[in-house]
Amino acid sequence: MKYMEIDVELIALGAVIVNHNQIDRWKLRATDFANVVNRHVFEIVEEHHRRGESITQGMIEAMVDADEMADDEFTVRQQIRFAVSFGIQHSTPGTGERLREIAAKRAVNQVGYDLRHGAIGDQSAEAMLESVKDNLERIVDRASNDDSFEMLGDVGAEIVQDIMDGVVPEEIFTGSQQLTRRLGGYQPGELIIIAGRPSMGKSMVAQSLGLQMAKKGIGVVMFSLEMSAKELGYRSLSDLMWTSQERLSYQNIRNRDLNDNQVDLLGQAGAHLQTLPFVVDDRAGLSLDEIGFEIRKHKQRMARTKTPLKVVFVDHIGHVKPSDRYKGNKTNEVGEVSAGLLKLAKDLDITIVGLCQLNRGPESREEKRPSLADLRNSGDIEQDANTVMFVYRDAYYIERQNFDDEREKTAALDQHRNKLEILIAKNRRGSTETVHLFCDPACNVIRDIERPRA
């Protein structure tokens, strides 16, 4: 059995030991566990749960031969303790479904094994086919996502109970106080889209706000499918050095154009950057499966450092490698990627922020601010996303506009150079409006506009 399968079994088993109700919530059975020790422990917990009794980790250890070797490395007691630790740290709403899927694949492999060996015996071909059909039907029924629905009354009762218990919905800081207030923060299980034309500031928004999240102790992973990690490093150092009185562009850092004082400040920024829970993966052409695998790996690693992974940026979704299902159909390929990212967000209980490059639609009209109509040729992004935001800067167009008087252009640029708009075009949890932020593109900086600060 693969390590990842054992890992999922331990996570699910630990979650069940800590909270017996997960047995019903995830529709688990003992046969979902391939490991003999895991299956035996699950049977003990399930038996007590069916009788309406609770059983603790210590009681389980007392009921089994805890000092017996579970495998070549660990005793049964150690395996149970690993399971509880894994369950507490890594369990997500999608854990049960993942375990059932692994169990279904294992059952399909067994059907294939039985079919190959049955062909050698005396059983007729018709009987073999009938047996295979029955077995596969049972596997399909078992593997179906039968926990994908809930009774609305149960959901309402859970909300009421949470309110009575004083449980407040999780609100993940977006990197901007203004944006957090407008959106109610990011929520686990959501797909957020930040879209815009090239050079409008999408990557700047993602990276700068991501750094502000990391400063608050929020675990962040960025899949930079276009820009190198070193380039992101230059920009991050410039951002961290920035204050409303002091600035050093990332171009100056790249060109080593610094004075002695700036070198000292750069060293402090570098030391600060090393302490932040911000991970960058700059490999090009990653597929959805590869991104999902890496997120799970980072989620486990960050959990061990007591800094849970909350937000993942994908810059940008047009560079995610699609499957061959819609080969050549760009619209459907992008739709497949957006749907896959939403599923990952739900399965892993995190927020995924996908950056999206818009077509030339805004360039051909007088009003350059983008709208949802500009996403219509980008697959099902609008339908999949919980929130869609557009990045817009007047300065971008002023720089490219012809003026009769160059002084007018300079004055217009001075007025708009540090202004950036986040147009909230879709918001399932609130209103749609425009958030005005401070930006310094040369330093890759985004700040709340009321009081620009470091």
Protein backbone atom coordinates (compact mmCIF):
# COMPACT_ATOMS: atom_id res chain seq x y z
CA MET A 1 0.00 0.00 0.00
CA LYS A 2 1.35 3.45 -0.93
CA TYR A 3 2.52 5.84 1.80
CA MET A 4 -0.11 8.40 0.81
CA GLU A 5 -2.88 5.80 1.31
CA ILE A 6 -1.59 4.95 4.78
CA ASP A 7 -1.41 8.67 5.50
CA VAL A 8 -5.07 9.19 4.56
CA GLU A 9 -6.09 6.16 6.64
CA LEU A 10 -4.28 7.52 9.71
CA ILE A 11 -5.80 10.99 9.27
CA ALA A 12 -9.33 9.56 8.93
CA LEU A 13 -8.85 7.13 11.83
CA GLY A 14 -7.49 9.87 14.09
CA ALA A 15 -10.41 12.17 13.22
CA VAL A 16 -12.85 9.36 14.05
CA ILE A 17 -11.18 8.67 17.41
CA VAL A 18 -11.36 12.36 18.33
CA ASN A 19 -14.91 12.83 16.99
CA HIS A 20 -16.97 9.64 16.59
CA ASN A 21 -19.61 11.53 14.59
CA GLN A 22 -17.25 11.56 11.63
CA ILE A 23 -18.16 7.90 11.07
CA ASP A 24 -21.66 8.93 10.01
CA ARG A 25 -20.67 12.22 8.45
CA TRP A 26 -18.14 10.52 6.16
CA LYS A 27 -20.13 7.25 5.76
CA LEU A 28 -17.08 5.17 6.70
CA ARG A 29 -16.89 1.39 6.99
CA ALA A 30 -14.21 -0.89 8.37
CA THR A 31 -13.50 -2.20 4.85
CA ASP A 32 -12.36 1.28 3.83
CA PHE A 33 -9.20 0.65 5.87
CA ALA A 34 -6.63 -1.63 4.23
CA ASN A 35 -4.27 -1.63 7.21
CA VAL A 36 -5.27 -4.39 9.64
CA VAL A 37 -4.52 -2.36 12.78
CA ASN A 38 -6.39 0.68 11.46
CA ARG A 39 -9.38 -1.49 10.59
CA HIS A 40 -9.44 -3.16 14.03
CA VAL A 41 -9.23 0.18 15.86
CA PHE A 42 -12.01 1.60 13.67
CA GLU A 43 -14.23 -1.39 14.48
CA ILE A 44 -13.75 -0.75 18.20
CA VAL A 45 -14.68 2.92 17.87
CA GLU A 46 -17.62 2.15 15.57
CA GLU A 47 -19.03 -0.46 17.96
CA HIS A 48 -19.05 2.00 20.86
CA HIS A 49 -20.46 4.76 18.64
CA ARG A 50 -23.39 2.55 17.55
CA ARG A 51 -24.18 1.89 21.23
CA GLY A 52 -24.13 5.63 21.90
CA GLU A 53 -20.98 5.33 23.99
CA SER A 54 -17.81 7.39 23.79
CA ILE A 55 -14.38 5.80 23.85
CA THR A 56 -11.10 7.60 24.46
CA GLN A 57 -7.67 6.99 23.01
CA GLY A 58 -6.51 5.51 26.32
CA MET A 59 -9.47 3.12 26.47
CA ILE A 60 -8.71 1.93 22.92
CA GLU A 61 -5.09 1.28 23.80
CA ALA A 62 -6.26 -0.75 26.79
CA MET A 63 -8.50 -2.91 24.56
CA VAL A 64 -5.79 -3.89 22.07
CA ASP A 65 -2.38 -5.44 22.42
CA ALA A 66 -0.77 -2.01 22.42
CA ASP A 67 2.80 -3.31 22.61
CA GLU A 68 2.38 -5.61 19.62
CA MET A 69 4.22 -4.46 16.50
CA ALA A 70 1.84 -2.90 13.97
CA ASP A 71 4.56 -3.21 11.32
CA ASP A 72 8.35 -3.33 11.15
CA GLU A 73 8.71 0.09 12.80
CA PHE A 74 5.86 0.95 15.15
CA THR A 75 3.84 -0.64 17.91
CA VAL A 76 0.04 -0.55 17.87
CA ARG A 77 0.11 2.12 20.60
CA GLN A 78 2.42 4.31 18.53
CA GLN A 79 0.24 3.90 15.44
CA ILE A 80 -2.88 4.95 17.36
CA ARG A 81 -1.09 8.01 18.70
CA PHE A 82 0.19 8.90 15.23
CA ALA A 83 -3.38 8.60 13.93
CA VAL A 84 -4.78 10.96 16.57
CA SER A 85 -2.01 13.49 15.94
CA PHE A 86 -2.49 13.28 12.15
CA GLY A 87 -6.27 13.55 12.49
CA ILE A 88 -6.10 16.68 14.63
CA GLN A 89 -3.59 18.42 12.36
CA HIS A 90 -4.58 17.36 8.85
CA SER A 91 -8.24 16.33 8.77
CA THR A 92 -10.39 18.27 6.27
CA PRO A 93 -14.02 17.93 5.10
CA GLY A 94 -12.75 15.94 2.10
CA THR A 95 -10.83 13.32 4.10
CA GLY A 96 -13.70 10.80 4.16
CA GLU A 97 -14.28 11.08 0.43
CA ARG A 98 -10.56 10.60 -0.28
CA LEU A 99 -10.46 7.47 1.88
CA ARG A 100 -13.53 6.01 0.16
CA GLU A 101 -12.01 6.74 -3.25
CA ILE A 102 -8.79 4.94 -2.30
CA ALA A 103 -10.82 2.00 -1.01
CA ALA A 104 -12.82 1.91 -4.27
CA LYS A 105 -9.64 1.82 -6.38
CA ARG A 106 -8.33 -0.99 -4.21
CA ALA A 107 -11.58 -2.91 -4.74
CA VAL A 108 -11.39 -2.39 -8.52
CA ASN A 109 -7.85 -3.76 -8.52
CA GLN A 110 -9.11 -6.78 -6.60
CA VAL A 111 -11.85 -7.37 -9.20
CA GLY A 112 -9.18 -7.31 -11.92
CA TYR A 113 -7.04 -9.75 -9.95
CA ASP A 114 -9.96 -12.11 -9.43
CA LEU A 115 -10.88 -11.87 -13.11
CA ARG A 116 -7.36 -12.76 -14.27
CA HIS A 117 -7.12 -15.72 -11.94
CA GLY A 118 -10.71 -16.81 -12.53
CA ALA A 119 -9.99 -17.17 -16.23
CA ILE A 120 -7.61 -19.99 -15.39
CA GLY A 121 -10.25 -21.99 -13.46
CA ASP A 122 -13.40 -23.84 -14.48
CA GLN A 123 -15.86 -20.93 -14.09
CA SER A 124 -17.72 -20.10 -17.29
CA ALA A 125 -17.15 -16.76 -19.02
CA GLU A 126 -20.81 -15.83 -18.50
CA ALA A 127 -20.58 -16.49 -14.74
CA MET A 128 -17.33 -14.54 -14.52
CA LEU A 129 -18.83 -11.52 -16.28
CA GLU A 130 -21.91 -11.60 -14.07
CA SER A 131 -19.73 -11.72 -10.97
CA VAL A 132 -17.61 -8.82 -12.23
CA LYS A 133 -20.75 -6.80 -13.00
CA ASP A 134 -22.16 -7.35 -9.50
CA ASN A 135 -18.85 -6.45 -7.84
CA LEU A 136 -18.40 -3.28 -9.90
CA GLU A 137 -21.96 -2.14 -9.17
CA ARG A 138 -21.30 -2.50 -5.44
CA ILE A 139 -18.07 -0.53 -5.79
CA VAL A 140 -19.83 2.27 -7.69
CA ASP A 141 -22.58 2.45 -5.07
CA ARG A 142 -20.03 2.55 -2.28
CA ALA A 143 -17.75 5.08 -3.95
CA SER A 144 -20.55 7.47 -4.88
CA ASN A 145 -20.38 10.76 -3.02
CA ASP A 146 -23.39 9.97 -0.87
CA ASP A 147 -22.35 12.48 1.77
CA SER A 148 -22.55 15.37 -0.68
CA PHE A 149 -26.03 16.30 0.56
CA GLU A 150 -27.32 17.41 3.93
CA MET A 151 -30.81 17.95 5.26
CA LEU A 152 -31.43 21.69 5.33
CA GLY A 153 -32.91 21.38 8.80
CA ASP A 154 -29.67 19.82 10.06
CA VAL A 155 -27.67 22.69 8.56
CA GLY A 156 -29.96 25.22 10.24
CA ALA A 157 -29.72 23.43 13.58
CA GLU A 158 -25.92 23.46 13.33
CA ILE A 159 -25.91 27.21 12.63
CA VAL A 160 -28.21 27.88 15.61
CA GLN A 161 -26.03 25.75 17.87
CA ASP A 162 -22.89 27.56 16.73
CA ILE A 163 -24.50 30.91 17.51
CA MET A 164 -25.60 29.71 20.94
CA ASP A 165 -22.08 28.41 21.59
CA GLY A 166 -20.56 31.72 20.53
CA VAL A 167 -18.81 30.21 17.49
CA VAL A 168 -17.86 32.95 15.00
CA PRO A 169 -17.40 32.04 11.30
CA GLU A 170 -13.76 32.04 10.25
CA GLU A 171 -12.72 35.25 8.52
CA ILE A 172 -9.34 35.13 6.80
CA PHE A 173 -7.53 38.46 6.49
CA THR A 174 -7.19 39.39 2.80
CA GLY A 175 -4.05 41.49 3.24
CA SER A 176 -6.10 44.71 3.22
CA GLN A 177 -8.35 45.94 6.01
CA GLN A 178 -10.56 47.72 3.47
CA LEU A 179 -10.96 44.63 1.30
CA THR A 180 -11.52 42.40 4.33
CA ARG A 181 -14.36 44.64 5.51
CA ARG A 182 -16.03 44.65 2.07
CA LEU A 183 -15.76 40.89 1.54
CA GLY A 184 -16.12 39.73 5.13
CA GLY A 185 -12.66 38.21 4.66
CA TYR A 186 -11.80 35.12 2.68
CA GLN A 187 -13.53 31.88 3.67
CA PRO A 188 -12.19 28.31 3.54
CA GLY A 189 -13.51 26.32 0.60
CA GLU A 190 -13.84 29.32 -1.71
CA LEU A 191 -12.35 30.18 -5.09
CA ILE A 192 -11.49 33.87 -5.52
CA ILE A 193 -10.65 35.26 -8.95
CA ILE A 194 -8.50 38.36 -9.42
CA ALA A 195 -8.57 39.35 -13.08
CA GLY A 196 -7.18 42.15 -15.19
CA ARG A 197 -5.32 43.16 -18.32
CA PRO A 198 -1.53 42.62 -18.51
CA SER A 199 0.57 45.11 -16.47
CA MET A 200 -2.49 46.23 -14.52
CA GLY A 201 -1.09 44.88 -11.23
CA LYS A 202 -2.62 41.42 -10.63
CA SER A 203 0.65 39.82 -9.49
CA MET A 204 1.51 42.91 -7.42
CA VAL A 205 -1.85 42.66 -5.64
CA ALA A 206 -1.45 38.93 -5.00
CA GLN A 207 2.12 39.08 -3.74
CA SER A 208 1.90 42.26 -1.67
CA LEU A 209 -1.37 41.29 -0.01
CA GLY A 210 0.01 37.77 0.48
CA LEU A 211 2.96 39.23 2.38
CA GLN A 212 0.57 41.21 4.59
CA MET A 213 -1.31 37.96 5.33
CA ALA A 214 1.93 36.18 6.19
CA LYS A 215 2.84 39.03 8.57
CA LYS A 216 -0.37 38.16 10.46
CA GLY A 217 0.73 34.52 10.79
CA ILE A 218 -1.44 33.23 7.93
CA GLY A 219 0.18 30.42 5.94
CA VAL A 220 0.43 31.35 2.23
CA VAL A 221 1.53 29.35 -0.82
CA MET A 222 2.00 30.96 -4.23
CA PHE A 223 2.26 28.95 -7.44
CA SER A 224 4.07 31.42 -9.68
CA LEU A 225 3.73 29.74 -13.06
CA GLU A 226 5.12 32.73 -14.94
CA MET A 227 7.53 34.68 -12.72
CA SER A 228 10.64 33.14 -11.13
CA ALA A 229 11.07 32.81 -7.37
CA LYS A 230 14.11 35.10 -7.56
CA GLU A 231 12.08 37.83 -9.24
CA LEU A 232 9.44 37.45 -6.53
CA GLY A 233 12.25 37.72 -3.99
CA TYR A 234 13.38 41.10 -5.35
CA ARG A 235 9.82 42.38 -5.23
CA SER A 236 9.17 41.04 -1.73
CA LEU A 237 12.29 42.68 -0.34
CA SER A 238 11.30 45.99 -1.91
CA ASP A 239 7.81 45.65 -0.39
CA LEU A 240 9.13 44.83 3.08
CA MET A 241 11.57 47.76 2.99
CA TRP A 242 8.87 50.22 1.96
CA THR A 243 7.45 52.87 4.24
CA SER A 244 5.60 56.08 3.38
CA GLN A 245 8.91 57.92 3.94
CA GLU A 246 11.42 55.38 2.60
CA ARG A 247 11.32 53.39 -0.66
CA LEU A 248 13.71 51.34 -2.80
CA SER A 249 12.48 49.88 -6.07
CA TYR A 250 12.99 46.22 -6.83
CA GLN A 251 14.77 47.33 -10.03
CA ASN A 252 17.38 49.09 -7.86
CA ILE A 253 17.77 45.94 -5.76
CA ARG A 254 18.17 43.80 -8.88
CA ASN A 255 20.77 46.22 -10.31
CA ARG A 256 22.56 46.48 -6.93
CA ASP A 257 22.01 50.25 -6.97
CA LEU A 258 21.99 50.77 -3.16
CA ASN A 259 23.77 53.00 -0.66
CA ASP A 260 25.17 51.73 2.65
CA ASN A 261 22.03 52.59 4.60
CA GLN A 262 19.86 50.78 2.07
CA VAL A 263 22.09 47.72 2.26
CA ASP A 264 21.48 47.61 6.03
CA LEU A 265 17.73 47.99 5.51
CA LEU A 266 17.83 45.26 2.86
CA GLY A 267 19.48 42.90 5.34
CA GLN A 268 16.72 43.58 7.86
CA ALA A 269 14.07 42.97 5.20
CA GLY A 270 15.76 39.71 4.22
CA ALA A 271 15.82 38.52 7.83
CA HIS A 272 12.13 39.45 8.19
CA LEU A 273 11.22 37.62 4.96
CA GLN A 274 12.82 34.42 6.26
CA THR A 275 10.44 34.39 9.23
CA LEU A 276 7.24 34.64 7.16
CA PRO A 277 5.10 31.56 6.36
CA PHE A 278 5.12 32.31 2.62
CA VAL A 279 6.05 29.50 0.19
CA VAL A 280 6.74 30.00 -3.53
CA ASP A 281 6.64 27.28 -6.19
CA ASP A 282 7.81 28.69 -9.53
CA ARG A 283 7.74 25.53 -11.65
CA ALA A 284 6.06 26.10 -15.00
CA GLY A 285 3.34 23.91 -16.48
CA LEU A 286 2.06 22.27 -13.30
CA SER A 287 -1.17 20.29 -13.69
CA LEU A 288 -4.13 20.41 -11.32
CA ASP A 289 -3.12 17.07 -9.81
CA GLU A 290 0.43 18.29 -9.23
CA ILE A 291 -0.82 21.51 -7.64
CA GLY A 292 -3.18 19.53 -5.41
CA PHE A 293 -0.36 17.20 -4.32
CA GLU A 294 1.93 20.13 -3.50
CA ILE A 295 -0.81 21.94 -1.54
CA ARG A 296 -1.40 18.83 0.59
CA LYS A 297 2.33 18.55 1.23
CA HIS A 298 2.66 22.21 2.26
CA LYS A 299 -0.50 21.98 4.37
CA GLN A 300 0.98 19.12 6.38
CA ARG A 301 4.36 20.81 6.74
CA MET A 302 2.84 24.10 7.88
CA ALA A 303 0.58 22.32 10.37
CA ARG A 304 3.69 20.90 12.02
CA THR A 305 5.01 24.45 12.50
CA LYS A 306 1.69 25.56 14.05
CA THR A 307 1.08 27.95 11.12
CA PRO A 308 -1.88 26.51 9.22
CA LEU A 309 -2.04 26.98 5.47
CA LYS A 310 -5.03 29.20 4.73
CA VAL A 311 -4.56 30.83 1.31
CA VAL A 312 -3.10 29.58 -1.98
CA PHE A 313 -2.42 31.88 -4.95
CA VAL A 314 -2.22 30.53 -8.52
CA ASP A 315 -0.58 33.04 -10.90
CA HIS A 316 -2.10 32.57 -13.29
CA ILE A 317 -4.72 29.95 -14.07
CA GLY A 318 -4.12 30.23 -17.82
CA HIS A 319 -0.71 28.59 -17.25
CA VAL A 320 -2.06 25.57 -15.34
CA LYS A 321 -1.55 22.50 -17.51
CA PRO A 322 -4.99 21.11 -18.46
CA SER A 323 -5.80 17.48 -19.15
CA ASP A 324 -6.22 16.19 -22.71
CA ARG A 325 -10.00 16.05 -22.32
CA TYR A 326 -10.60 19.37 -24.14
CA LYS A 327 -7.32 19.50 -26.04
CA GLY A 328 -7.27 22.54 -28.32
CA ASN A 329 -10.42 24.13 -26.83
CA LYS A 330 -8.96 26.91 -24.65
CA THR A 331 -12.32 28.01 -23.24
CA ASN A 332 -13.16 24.51 -21.96
CA GLU A 333 -9.61 23.97 -20.72
CA VAL A 334 -9.77 27.12 -18.57
CA GLY A 335 -13.20 26.04 -17.31
CA GLU A 336 -11.78 22.65 -16.34
CA VAL A 337 -8.99 24.36 -14.38
CA SER A 338 -11.34 26.75 -12.53
CA ALA A 339 -13.67 23.89 -11.57
CA GLY A 340 -10.67 21.85 -10.39
CA LEU A 341 -9.36 24.71 -8.24
CA LEU A 342 -12.78 25.15 -6.62
CA LYS A 343 -12.87 21.43 -5.80
CA LEU A 344 -9.38 21.62 -4.29
CA ALA A 345 -10.42 24.59 -2.15
CA LYS A 346 -13.42 22.66 -0.81
CA ASP A 347 -11.59 19.36 -0.31
CA LEU A 348 -8.63 20.95 1.48
CA ASP A 349 -10.64 23.56 3.38
CA ILE A 350 -8.55 26.50 2.15
CA THR A 351 -9.05 29.63 0.05
CA ILE A 352 -7.62 29.52 -3.47
CA VAL A 353 -7.03 32.84 -5.22
CA GLY A 354 -6.65 32.39 -8.97
CA LEU A 355 -5.26 35.17 -11.14
CA CYS A 356 -6.76 35.51 -14.59
CA GLN A 357 -5.61 37.52 -17.60
CA LEU A 358 -8.40 39.23 -19.53
CA ASN A 359 -8.71 39.47 -23.28
CA ARG A 360 -8.44 42.76 -25.16
CA GLY A 361 -12.11 43.64 -24.71
CA PRO A 362 -11.54 46.65 -22.42
CA GLU A 363 -8.99 48.14 -24.85
CA SER A 364 -11.58 48.50 -27.62
CA ARG A 365 -14.00 50.71 -25.68
CA GLU A 366 -13.94 54.12 -24.07
CA GLU A 367 -14.65 52.79 -20.54
CA LYS A 368 -11.54 50.73 -19.79
CA ARG A 369 -12.70 49.32 -16.48
CA PRO A 370 -13.39 45.60 -16.96
CA SER A 371 -16.68 43.87 -16.16
CA LEU A 372 -17.96 40.32 -15.86
CA ALA A 373 -18.72 40.38 -19.60
CA ASP A 374 -14.95 40.34 -20.20
CA LEU A 375 -14.79 36.93 -18.53
CA ARG A 376 -17.45 35.36 -20.74
CA ASN A 377 -14.87 33.79 -23.06
CA SER A 378 -12.84 32.37 -20.17
CA GLY A 379 -14.66 29.11 -19.54
CA ASP A 380 -16.84 28.82 -16.45
CA ILE A 381 -14.67 31.05 -14.25
CA GLU A 382 -17.53 33.40 -13.38
CA GLN A 383 -19.80 30.50 -12.40
CA ASP A 384 -17.13 28.64 -10.41
CA ALA A 385 -15.81 31.63 -8.46
CA ASN A 386 -17.33 32.72 -5.17
CA THR A 387 -15.85 36.18 -5.69
CA VAL A 388 -14.60 37.92 -8.84
CA MET A 389 -12.47 41.06 -8.55
CA PHE A 390 -10.89 43.17 -11.27
CA VAL A 391 -7.68 45.18 -10.93
CA TYR A 392 -7.66 48.58 -12.62
CA ARG A 393 -5.21 51.53 -12.72
CA ASP A 394 -5.89 54.80 -14.56
CA ALA A 395 -2.12 55.46 -14.61
CA TYR A 396 -1.59 52.52 -16.99
CA TYR A 397 -3.65 54.22 -19.70
CA ILE A 398 -2.41 57.75 -18.93
CA GLU A 399 1.18 56.57 -19.53
CA ARG A 400 0.15 55.35 -23.00
CA GLN A 401 -2.01 58.34 -23.91
CA ASN A 402 -0.85 61.19 -26.18
CA PHE A 403 -1.06 64.67 -24.65
CA ASP A 404 -0.62 67.95 -26.51
CA ASP A 405 1.03 69.40 -23.44
CA GLU A 406 3.50 67.09 -21.68
CA ARG A 407 2.91 69.03 -18.44
CA GLU A 408 -0.73 67.88 -18.49
CA LYS A 409 0.42 64.25 -18.75
CA THR A 410 2.85 64.69 -15.86
CA ALA A 411 0.13 66.27 -13.71
CA ALA A 412 -2.34 63.49 -14.55
CA LEU A 413 0.25 60.82 -13.74
CA ASP A 414 1.12 62.48 -10.44
CA GLN A 415 -2.57 62.43 -9.55
CA HIS A 416 -3.16 58.76 -10.41
CA ARG A 417 0.27 57.07 -10.11
CA ASN A 418 -0.41 55.59 -6.67
CA LYS A 419 -4.08 54.76 -7.11
CA LEU A 420 -5.37 51.26 -7.73
CA GLU A 421 -8.97 50.08 -7.86
CA ILE A 422 -10.27 46.65 -6.92
CA LEU A 423 -13.64 46.28 -8.60
CA ILE A 424 -15.67 43.64 -6.74
CA ALA A 425 -17.89 42.45 -9.61
CA LYS A 426 -19.23 39.28 -7.97
CA ASN A 427 -19.58 38.62 -4.27
CA ARG A 428 -21.78 35.75 -3.11
CA ARG A 429 -21.59 36.93 0.49
CA GLY A 430 -22.09 40.65 0.09
CA SER A 431 -22.31 43.72 -2.11
CA THR A 432 -20.41 44.59 -5.25
CA GLU A 433 -18.43 47.81 -5.05
CA THR A 434 -15.04 49.39 -5.71
CA VAL A 435 -12.23 49.38 -3.16
CA HIS A 436 -9.59 52.10 -3.60
CA LEU A 437 -6.07 51.11 -2.55
CA PHE A 438 -2.64 52.74 -2.50
CA CYS A 439 -0.07 51.23 -4.87
CA ASP A 440 3.60 51.78 -5.64
CA PRO A 441 4.27 49.57 -8.70
CA ALA A 442 8.03 50.24 -8.70
CA CYS A 443 8.22 48.71 -5.20
CA ASN A 444 5.47 46.10 -5.73
CA VAL A 445 3.52 47.64 -2.85
CA ILE A 446 -0.23 47.61 -2.09
CA ARG A 447 -1.56 49.27 1.06
CA ASP A 448 -4.87 50.53 2.44
CA ILE A 449 -5.37 54.01 1.08
CA GLU A 450 -6.63 55.62 4.30
CA ARG A 451 -3.21 55.42 5.87
CA PRO A 452 -0.32 54.12 3.74
CA ARG A 453 2.04 52.31 6.06
CA ALA A 454 4.72 49.67 6.14
